[in-house]
Amino acid sequence: MPCSVGGEDYPWVGDLDGQPAFGSKAQLRQVEKFWRKPSTADQAVRLALADLVPRFELEVAMARAEDQRQGLDRLVLAFHSDLADPEFDPSALVLEELIIDPFSVGLNAQYALILVRVAGDARRQVRIWLLQEGAQEVRELTAAYSLLNSHTYGLGRLEEVGLLQLITARLDLAALRLRAILADLEVFQEGPGSEISVPNSDAVRLAQAFVMGEREAGGAWSQWVSGAKQSARDFQSGTKLAALNKNQAATLALREAGRKKAVQNLVQMRDLAPADGTFPLLTGSNSRLSRFERCQEVIRLGLVALAQDPFTAEVHQLVGVSLDFTRSRRDAAVYLDRYLHLKGIRFYDTWTVAPGGQNTAEQDALLRVLSPS
């Protein structure tokens, strides 16, 4: 069985994919050594972890290139102004709207065939699912790296009881899932001779029906779409990620519950905290709270939230601002530096603190971190 970073056995990771992990009993000293002065063996582990994100980004780029090859970008460009918010990637919404009613939107032969091909591509649907799941794990990994960097190189010491272990456990889980996702994406890459590359006679007939507005083909279209969805579900059930999700269902549920709890607390914190230097007006029983008491409550809510989900950047910010009001700039800097790292800003790295590159909250946090009092 492989050992975790720091020497503790971590059975559930070892049993699932055999890769090293931080483990459930990570200690600050061990993590600091791994992060700052890794051994030769640990360097290999760090490189493997660091490689996960660019590998996933390459898969995203390849998926976009495949969609372009199939003509999906042209289809979206032709219809997105009427069917989707241009500030967001409209591909999914355009497809959804066109799939619902492809007979009345005036599809030409080229666009009709693109729609039939894409809607009937079960493998693409599995890839979309894998990419969506992977994007979540990339955010998890990036956030974990940010907090560990803040602890190691910045001011964000991770000294709250259990916080480091929660971060490393989340990092382990994200890395485990991302490795499974990358393996699955290799299997579901589009290749020459796939079913979508050469339309069959059914696809051509459906495309002709769209062009002619022949709604009597609606039943055949529904079967085409539902058949692809069922095939996608069948493919999906056989993936490494599906097996991992089943094995780690309780862990994933705990992670999601933690996120929701953090968001619930954050909503309350926003009503109390002096995030922009002023205190919002309160009504009801909270209106009797002094500014000091409000900040104390923000700190309490924030620490509870961070014990559930340490990756919610705004929680760190509001705790830091409240500590600056009630205690000291030094105490505040711990949380504000974590907030900045989660936002990709490192006060010791001039490349990340370019003038004008931050929003108001980030500028305020940076000023407090850089100012001793």
Protein backbone atom coordinates (compact mmCIF):
# COMPACT_ATOMS: atom_id res chain seq x y z
CA MET A 1 0.00 0.00 0.00
CA PRO A 2 1.44 3.41 -0.86
CA CYS A 3 2.29 5.86 1.87
CA SER A 4 0.89 9.34 2.10
CA VAL A 5 2.99 12.45 2.05
CA GLY A 6 4.38 12.69 5.58
CA GLY A 7 4.46 8.95 6.14
CA GLU A 8 0.91 8.13 7.30
CA ASP A 9 -1.02 5.40 5.55
CA TYR A 10 -4.13 6.63 3.76
CA PRO A 11 -5.98 3.41 2.83
CA TRP A 12 -8.95 4.73 0.88
CA VAL A 13 -6.76 6.63 -1.57
CA GLY A 14 -4.28 3.78 -1.85
CA ASP A 15 -7.00 1.23 -2.46
CA LEU A 16 -8.69 3.33 -5.13
CA ASP A 17 -5.92 4.48 -7.44
CA GLY A 18 -2.64 3.72 -5.71
CA GLN A 19 -1.33 7.29 -5.74
CA PRO A 20 0.34 9.05 -2.77
CA ALA A 21 -1.74 11.54 -0.81
CA PHE A 22 -1.45 13.82 2.19
CA GLY A 23 -3.61 11.56 4.31
CA SER A 24 -6.11 12.17 7.05
CA LYS A 25 -3.54 13.15 9.69
CA ALA A 26 -1.41 15.72 7.88
CA GLN A 27 0.70 17.91 10.17
CA LEU A 28 1.86 21.47 9.54
CA ARG A 29 5.52 20.56 9.76
CA GLN A 30 5.14 17.76 7.23
CA VAL A 31 3.14 19.88 4.80
CA GLU A 32 5.55 22.80 5.11
CA LYS A 33 8.48 20.53 4.30
CA PHE A 34 6.62 19.04 1.35
CA TRP A 35 5.69 22.49 0.06
CA ARG A 36 8.92 24.38 0.75
CA LYS A 37 11.72 21.78 0.67
CA PRO A 38 10.37 18.56 -0.84
CA SER A 39 12.49 15.44 -0.99
CA THR A 40 13.25 13.88 -4.35
CA ALA A 41 10.30 11.53 -3.96
CA ASP A 42 8.00 14.35 -2.88
CA GLN A 43 9.10 16.46 -5.84
CA ALA A 44 7.74 13.78 -8.14
CA VAL A 45 4.44 13.84 -6.24
CA ARG A 46 4.28 17.64 -6.48
CA LEU A 47 4.97 17.57 -10.20
CA ALA A 48 2.26 14.97 -10.72
CA LEU A 49 -0.22 17.10 -8.77
CA ALA A 50 0.79 20.27 -10.60
CA ASP A 51 0.37 18.50 -13.94
CA LEU A 52 -3.29 17.65 -13.35
CA VAL A 53 -4.64 21.14 -14.06
CA PRO A 54 -2.82 21.76 -17.38
CA ARG A 55 -3.72 18.25 -18.52
CA PHE A 56 -7.37 19.00 -17.84
CA GLU A 57 -7.13 22.39 -19.58
CA LEU A 58 -5.77 20.58 -22.63
CA GLU A 59 -8.80 18.29 -22.60
CA VAL A 60 -11.08 21.34 -22.47
CA ALA A 61 -9.28 22.85 -25.46
CA MET A 62 -9.51 19.57 -27.38
CA ALA A 63 -13.25 19.35 -26.69
CA ARG A 64 -13.76 22.89 -27.97
CA ALA A 65 -11.72 22.11 -31.07
CA GLU A 66 -13.86 19.03 -31.71
CA ASP A 67 -17.05 21.09 -31.40
CA GLN A 68 -15.62 23.57 -33.88
CA ARG A 69 -14.72 20.74 -36.25
CA GLN A 70 -18.31 19.56 -36.13
CA GLY A 71 -19.56 23.10 -36.84
CA LEU A 72 -21.20 23.72 -33.47
CA ASP A 73 -19.57 27.16 -33.19
CA ARG A 74 -21.22 28.22 -36.47
CA LEU A 75 -24.59 26.94 -35.30
CA VAL A 76 -24.30 28.82 -32.00
CA LEU A 77 -23.15 32.00 -33.73
CA ALA A 78 -26.18 31.88 -36.01
CA PHE A 79 -28.70 31.62 -33.16
CA HIS A 80 -27.18 32.83 -29.90
CA SER A 81 -28.28 36.46 -30.21
CA ASP A 82 -31.92 35.42 -29.95
CA LEU A 83 -31.61 32.47 -27.60
CA ALA A 84 -28.88 33.16 -25.05
CA ASP A 85 -27.20 35.77 -22.89
CA PRO A 86 -24.11 36.87 -24.87
CA GLU A 87 -22.11 37.36 -21.66
CA PHE A 88 -21.97 33.61 -21.14
CA ASP A 89 -20.99 30.66 -23.30
CA PRO A 90 -24.30 30.10 -25.08
CA SER A 91 -23.58 26.67 -26.56
CA ALA A 92 -25.57 24.61 -24.06
CA LEU A 93 -28.55 26.97 -24.07
CA VAL A 94 -28.65 27.22 -27.86
CA LEU A 95 -28.60 23.45 -28.17
CA GLU A 96 -31.31 23.05 -25.54
CA GLU A 97 -33.60 25.54 -27.27
CA LEU A 98 -33.01 24.09 -30.73
CA ILE A 99 -33.52 20.52 -29.54
CA ILE A 100 -36.89 21.48 -28.04
CA ASP A 101 -38.18 22.85 -31.36
CA PRO A 102 -35.92 22.50 -34.39
CA PHE A 103 -38.80 22.82 -36.87
CA SER A 104 -39.70 26.49 -36.56
CA VAL A 105 -36.37 28.32 -36.38
CA GLY A 106 -35.47 28.24 -40.05
CA LEU A 107 -32.51 25.88 -40.01
CA ASN A 108 -30.72 25.53 -43.32
CA ALA A 109 -29.39 22.16 -44.44
CA GLN A 110 -25.93 22.71 -42.97
CA TYR A 111 -27.16 23.81 -39.54
CA ALA A 112 -29.84 21.12 -39.44
CA LEU A 113 -27.29 18.37 -39.98
CA ILE A 114 -24.97 19.86 -37.35
CA LEU A 115 -27.82 19.85 -34.83
CA VAL A 116 -28.76 16.25 -35.59
CA ARG A 117 -25.16 15.11 -35.32
CA VAL A 118 -24.43 16.87 -32.05
CA ALA A 119 -27.73 15.91 -30.38
CA GLY A 120 -27.14 12.29 -31.33
CA ASP A 121 -23.56 12.11 -30.06
CA ALA A 122 -23.70 10.16 -26.80
CA ARG A 123 -19.93 10.27 -26.39
CA ARG A 124 -19.97 14.07 -26.51
CA GLN A 125 -22.58 14.11 -23.75
CA VAL A 126 -20.33 11.98 -21.57
CA ARG A 127 -17.40 14.29 -22.29
CA ILE A 128 -19.47 17.32 -21.30
CA TRP A 129 -20.34 15.63 -17.99
CA LEU A 130 -16.70 14.75 -17.35
CA LEU A 131 -15.54 18.28 -18.18
CA GLN A 132 -18.14 19.81 -15.86
CA GLU A 133 -17.10 17.51 -13.03
CA GLY A 134 -13.44 18.18 -13.77
CA ALA A 135 -13.88 21.96 -13.68
CA GLN A 136 -15.17 21.62 -10.12
CA GLU A 137 -12.13 19.60 -9.07
CA VAL A 138 -9.76 22.08 -10.73
CA ARG A 139 -11.31 24.82 -8.58
CA GLU A 140 -10.82 22.62 -5.51
CA LEU A 141 -7.17 21.93 -6.34
CA THR A 142 -6.44 25.57 -7.13
CA ALA A 143 -8.02 26.73 -3.87
CA ALA A 144 -6.07 24.16 -1.84
CA TYR A 145 -2.81 25.18 -3.50
CA SER A 146 -3.62 28.84 -2.80
CA LEU A 147 -4.18 28.30 0.92
CA LEU A 148 -1.09 26.13 1.27
CA ASN A 149 0.95 28.80 -0.52
CA SER A 150 -0.50 31.47 1.77
CA HIS A 151 0.55 29.41 4.78
CA THR A 152 4.02 28.59 3.45
CA TYR A 153 5.05 31.82 1.75
CA GLY A 154 2.59 34.42 2.99
CA LEU A 155 0.79 35.37 6.19
CA GLY A 156 -2.13 32.93 6.16
CA ARG A 157 -1.01 30.48 8.82
CA LEU A 158 -3.32 27.45 8.92
CA GLU A 159 -3.34 27.03 12.68
CA GLU A 160 -7.04 26.57 13.42
CA VAL A 161 -7.72 23.10 14.76
CA GLY A 162 -8.52 20.68 11.94
CA LEU A 163 -8.29 23.27 9.15
CA LEU A 164 -5.13 21.91 7.56
CA GLN A 165 -6.50 18.37 7.61
CA LEU A 166 -9.71 19.54 5.93
CA ILE A 167 -7.75 21.32 3.20
CA THR A 168 -5.48 18.36 2.50
CA ALA A 169 -8.42 15.95 2.54
CA ARG A 170 -10.21 18.12 -0.02
CA LEU A 171 -7.02 18.29 -2.08
CA ASP A 172 -6.66 14.50 -1.96
CA LEU A 173 -10.27 14.01 -3.04
CA ALA A 174 -10.02 16.53 -5.88
CA ALA A 175 -6.79 15.00 -7.18
CA LEU A 176 -8.27 11.50 -6.98
CA ARG A 177 -11.37 12.50 -8.92
CA LEU A 178 -9.42 14.51 -11.48
CA ARG A 179 -7.14 11.56 -12.21
CA ALA A 180 -10.23 9.42 -12.84
CA ILE A 181 -11.75 12.11 -15.05
CA LEU A 182 -8.60 12.44 -17.14
CA ALA A 183 -8.48 8.68 -17.63
CA ASP A 184 -12.13 8.65 -18.71
CA LEU A 185 -11.64 11.57 -21.09
CA GLU A 186 -8.94 9.64 -22.90
CA VAL A 187 -11.46 6.87 -23.53
CA PHE A 188 -14.16 9.23 -24.78
CA GLN A 189 -12.06 11.40 -27.06
CA GLU A 190 -13.61 11.71 -30.48
CA GLY A 191 -11.75 9.74 -33.11
CA PRO A 192 -11.85 9.04 -36.85
CA GLY A 193 -14.78 6.95 -37.99
CA SER A 194 -16.98 7.80 -35.01
CA GLU A 195 -20.72 7.78 -35.41
CA ILE A 196 -20.94 11.55 -35.49
CA SER A 197 -18.38 12.02 -38.25
CA VAL A 198 -20.43 10.35 -40.99
CA PRO A 199 -24.20 10.99 -40.83
CA ASN A 200 -26.40 7.96 -41.42
CA SER A 201 -29.64 7.97 -43.37
CA ASP A 202 -31.75 8.65 -40.25
CA ALA A 203 -29.70 11.75 -39.51
CA VAL A 204 -30.10 13.02 -43.06
CA ARG A 205 -33.89 12.46 -43.01
CA LEU A 206 -34.21 14.35 -39.72
CA ALA A 207 -32.15 17.23 -41.05
CA GLN A 208 -34.35 17.41 -44.14
CA ALA A 209 -37.45 17.48 -41.93
CA PHE A 210 -36.07 20.45 -40.00
CA VAL A 211 -35.37 22.36 -43.20
CA MET A 212 -38.85 21.64 -44.55
CA GLY A 213 -40.57 22.26 -41.20
CA GLU A 214 -42.13 18.78 -41.24
CA ARG A 215 -43.37 18.45 -37.67
CA GLU A 216 -44.61 14.91 -38.26
CA ALA A 217 -40.95 13.91 -37.82
CA GLY A 218 -41.15 15.05 -34.20
CA GLY A 219 -41.56 11.50 -32.90
CA ALA A 220 -38.48 10.28 -34.71
CA TRP A 221 -36.57 13.29 -33.40
CA SER A 222 -37.61 12.57 -29.82
CA GLN A 223 -36.43 8.97 -30.19
CA TRP A 224 -33.13 10.18 -31.67
CA VAL A 225 -32.50 12.52 -28.74
CA SER A 226 -33.67 10.12 -26.02
CA GLY A 227 -31.67 7.27 -27.55
CA ALA A 228 -28.49 9.33 -27.40
CA LYS A 229 -29.21 10.29 -23.79
CA GLN A 230 -29.74 6.66 -22.82
CA SER A 231 -26.51 5.64 -24.55
CA ALA A 232 -24.73 8.43 -22.69
CA ARG A 233 -26.10 7.18 -19.38
CA ASP A 234 -24.93 3.67 -20.24
CA PHE A 235 -21.46 4.94 -21.15
CA GLN A 236 -21.37 7.11 -18.03
CA SER A 237 -22.20 4.22 -15.71
CA GLY A 238 -19.09 2.40 -16.86
CA THR A 239 -16.63 5.23 -16.22
CA LYS A 240 -14.00 5.35 -13.52
CA LEU A 241 -15.62 8.52 -12.20
CA ALA A 242 -19.01 6.83 -11.79
CA ALA A 243 -17.40 4.02 -9.80
CA LEU A 244 -15.52 6.55 -7.70
CA ASN A 245 -18.67 8.58 -7.07
CA LYS A 246 -20.40 5.45 -5.80
CA ASN A 247 -17.45 4.53 -3.59
CA GLN A 248 -17.12 8.05 -2.19
CA ALA A 249 -20.80 9.01 -2.05
CA ALA A 250 -20.69 9.84 1.66
CA THR A 251 -17.53 11.93 1.29
CA LEU A 252 -18.95 13.86 -1.66
CA ALA A 253 -22.19 14.48 0.21
CA LEU A 254 -20.22 15.79 3.18
CA ARG A 255 -18.27 18.14 0.93
CA GLU A 256 -21.43 19.49 -0.67
CA ALA A 257 -23.12 19.93 2.71
CA GLY A 258 -20.08 21.87 3.90
CA ARG A 259 -20.28 24.20 0.92
CA LYS A 260 -23.96 24.88 1.53
CA LYS A 261 -23.36 25.57 5.22
CA ALA A 262 -20.58 28.02 4.36
CA VAL A 263 -22.83 29.85 1.91
CA GLN A 264 -25.63 30.06 4.49
CA ASN A 265 -23.27 31.61 7.01
CA LEU A 266 -21.84 33.94 4.38
CA VAL A 267 -25.28 35.39 3.69
CA GLN A 268 -25.61 36.27 7.39
CA MET A 269 -22.08 37.65 7.51
CA ARG A 270 -22.72 40.05 4.63
CA ASP A 271 -25.55 41.67 6.57
CA LEU A 272 -23.32 42.30 9.58
CA ALA A 273 -19.79 42.96 8.35
CA PRO A 274 -18.20 46.30 7.41
CA ALA A 275 -17.01 44.91 4.08
CA ASP A 276 -16.73 48.31 2.39
CA GLY A 277 -15.71 50.24 5.48
CA THR A 278 -19.27 51.02 6.55
CA PHE A 279 -21.78 49.01 8.53
CA PRO A 280 -25.09 48.25 6.77
CA LEU A 281 -28.25 49.21 8.62
CA LEU A 282 -29.93 46.41 10.55
CA THR A 283 -33.53 45.82 11.51
CA GLY A 284 -35.19 43.64 14.12
CA SER A 285 -33.27 42.15 17.03
CA ASN A 286 -29.92 42.62 15.29
CA SER A 287 -30.40 46.39 15.27
CA ARG A 288 -29.40 46.45 18.96
CA LEU A 289 -25.95 45.01 18.24
CA SER A 290 -23.02 47.35 18.54
CA ARG A 291 -20.41 47.48 15.80
CA PHE A 292 -18.06 45.46 17.98
CA GLU A 293 -20.74 42.82 18.62
CA ARG A 294 -21.54 42.64 14.93
CA CYS A 295 -17.91 41.98 14.08
CA GLN A 296 -17.72 39.35 16.80
CA GLU A 297 -20.71 37.59 15.28
CA VAL A 298 -19.15 37.78 11.81
CA ILE A 299 -15.99 36.15 13.17
CA ARG A 300 -18.00 33.40 14.87
CA LEU A 301 -20.05 32.68 11.75
CA GLY A 302 -16.93 32.80 9.61
CA LEU A 303 -14.95 30.34 11.68
CA VAL A 304 -17.87 27.91 11.61
CA ALA A 305 -18.09 28.35 7.82
CA LEU A 306 -14.37 27.78 7.32
CA ALA A 307 -14.55 24.59 9.36
CA GLN A 308 -17.08 23.40 6.76
CA ASP A 309 -15.57 24.87 3.59
CA PRO A 310 -12.19 26.66 3.71
CA PHE A 311 -12.31 27.55 0.01
CA THR A 312 -14.98 30.29 0.14
CA ALA A 313 -12.81 33.37 -0.39
CA GLU A 314 -15.30 35.97 0.81
CA VAL A 315 -15.59 34.29 4.21
CA HIS A 316 -11.86 34.83 4.77
CA GLN A 317 -12.24 38.46 3.69
CA LEU A 318 -15.11 39.27 6.04
CA VAL A 319 -13.44 37.54 8.98
CA GLY A 320 -10.27 39.51 8.26
CA VAL A 321 -12.03 42.86 8.05
CA SER A 322 -13.91 42.14 11.28
CA LEU A 323 -10.71 41.11 13.09
CA ASP A 324 -9.10 44.34 11.93
CA PHE A 325 -11.94 46.23 13.63
CA THR A 326 -12.06 44.22 16.87
CA ARG A 327 -8.52 42.93 17.44
CA SER A 328 -5.46 43.78 15.40
CA ARG A 329 -4.14 44.19 11.88
CA ARG A 330 -1.83 41.25 12.50
CA ASP A 331 -4.73 38.92 13.27
CA ALA A 332 -6.65 40.28 10.29
CA ALA A 333 -3.76 39.77 7.89
CA VAL A 334 -3.92 35.98 8.32
CA TYR A 335 -7.40 35.82 6.79
CA LEU A 336 -6.97 38.68 4.34
CA ASP A 337 -3.84 37.08 2.90
CA ARG A 338 -5.73 33.81 2.46
CA TYR A 339 -8.48 35.73 0.70
CA LEU A 340 -5.96 37.35 -1.64
CA HIS A 341 -4.29 34.03 -2.42
CA LEU A 342 -7.67 32.48 -3.24
CA LYS A 343 -8.14 35.40 -5.64
CA GLY A 344 -4.76 34.75 -7.24
CA ILE A 345 -3.06 37.73 -5.59
CA ARG A 346 0.21 37.28 -3.70
CA PHE A 347 1.53 40.41 -2.01
CA TYR A 348 5.11 39.16 -2.39
CA ASP A 349 4.70 38.57 -6.15
CA THR A 350 4.64 41.79 -8.18
CA TRP A 351 3.20 39.97 -11.19
CA THR A 352 -0.06 39.44 -9.28
CA VAL A 353 -0.43 42.93 -7.77
CA ALA A 354 -0.29 45.11 -10.88
CA PRO A 355 -1.98 48.51 -10.34
CA GLY A 356 -5.60 48.47 -11.42
CA GLY A 357 -5.70 44.70 -11.55
CA GLN A 358 -7.86 44.26 -8.45
CA ASN A 359 -11.43 45.11 -7.56
CA THR A 360 -12.30 47.31 -4.58
CA ALA A 361 -12.44 44.48 -2.03
CA GLU A 362 -9.12 43.05 -3.23
CA GLN A 363 -7.45 46.47 -3.15
CA ASP A 364 -8.71 47.02 0.39
CA ALA A 365 -7.43 43.63 1.55
CA LEU A 366 -4.06 44.19 -0.11
CA LEU A 367 -3.70 47.59 1.55
CA ARG A 368 -4.47 46.12 4.97
CA VAL A 369 -2.00 43.26 4.46
CA LEU A 370 0.77 45.62 3.37
CA SER A 371 0.10 48.16 6.13
CA PRO A 372 1.38 47.24 9.60
CA SER A 373 -1.39 49.19 11.34
